[in-house]
Amino acid sequence: MIQVTSTFGSWLTLIVAAPLGWWAGWWLFGAVGGGAANLISGGDASTAAVWIAPAVLFLTVQAAAGRSRQVEWLGILRGYGLGLLTIVAAALVLGILGGIGLRLGQGLEAVLGRFAFLGNFLVVAADTLIIFLPLIGGIVGAFALASLAGTLSENMLRRLGSGIGAKIFSIVMALLAGAILFGLVMAFVVWLYQLSNPSYYLGIAAAIGAIIFGLMAVVVSPDRPMPTGMIIYYASRTVLNTLRSIEPLIMAIVFVVWVGIGPFAGVLALTLHTIASLGKLYSEQVENISEGPLEAVTATGANRLQTIIYAVMPQIVPPYIAFTIYRWDINVRMSTIIGFAGGGGIGFLLQQNLNLLKYRQASVQMIAIAIVVATLDYVSAKIREKIV
């Protein structure tokens, strides 16, 4: 990953395209996925359109495939259209799953009686999925549009060569990239400190960024290789290390203030800390893979994707499964502590009984926690024996 490079002009195009892709993905997943979830959970008669939409998308792609074999430009459009339809279908599927989870959880809450917590669990999980849909869409859109823009700009710069056209393209992209990048940083500062007249500060930041990046584009050649992989690598590690340095209990307190007392706050706290911890373990496992299979697959002429599938994936899948199961076991035990901070669950009930001096009920809950942890430990051990 660290060895991945891209030209300076392509790197500038990535900076311009990523925020636009984030906004487009945020809006698309919020509108399509959120709309599908609302229709499914609301039980509206128009939900039939939600179920039919994925089939219509699939048939449209298949129809375009037949024409694209005869017309070259249709094949190119089909490739881009297939990617867009895949993203839309993913938003629909996630929205449908969220809506089904809400309806099913609400129905189970009404009929399960003492076991209504199972329905509540489904409701919380589905609600979490629906809330995170725009965020998922933003990440997908940013990566998709940045990848597309980077590929197109690489091809354009390759055709333009080292002439004045490539230089003009690089300068224009640099002005836009500097304005967008510095504007985003200033927008965060304005939001954090609640500064008055935000347009003034955003304008100054955008102008400064455009000037700095414009001067860089004048000096740097458009086809100069830039360490894109190293930048992404260290930026990702910084974010993960920052999240991992904050204890889940502190995160739970923050989310309780944000979303209120209940299991949703605990789910958010454990989710963020789990992502940070597993990201660290996953990245280290990839860094420590054996070089022999990589060299063997590369020697056969395989491209980067084939190298990942046939040389990297077989080495990392078993440890990934083991790390995921281990983190699942940690989260089960940590959920009790999260409940003491208002994160809901059995930990919250245990704290209430201890405060009310109801030690009989508290002892029963502690025994239940021990039984659950022991059972999950046994199940995880069996899974590791079968898979890893």
Foldseek 3Di string as FASTA:
>chain_A
DQPDKAFLLLVLLLLLQLQVQLVVQLVLLLVLLVVLLCCLQVVDPVNVCLVCVLVVLVVVLVVLVVVCVVPVVSVVVSVVSVVVSVSNVVSSVLSNQLNVLQNQLVVLLVPVVVPNVVSVVSNLVSVVSSVCRSVVRSVVRSVVRSVVSSVVSRVVCVVVDQDPVLLVSSLVSQLSSQLVVQLVVLVVVCVVVVDPPSVVVSVVSSVVRSVVSNVVSVVDGRGDIDSPVNVVVVVVLVVLVVLLVDDLLVQLLVLCVVPNFEQSSSVVSLVSNLCSVLVVVLVVQQVPFDCVLLVVVVVVVDDPVVSCVRPVVVRRVLVSLLSVLVSVLVSLVVSLVSLVSRNHDLNVVLNVCVVVVVVVVNVVSVVVSVVVSVVSVVVSVVVSVVPD
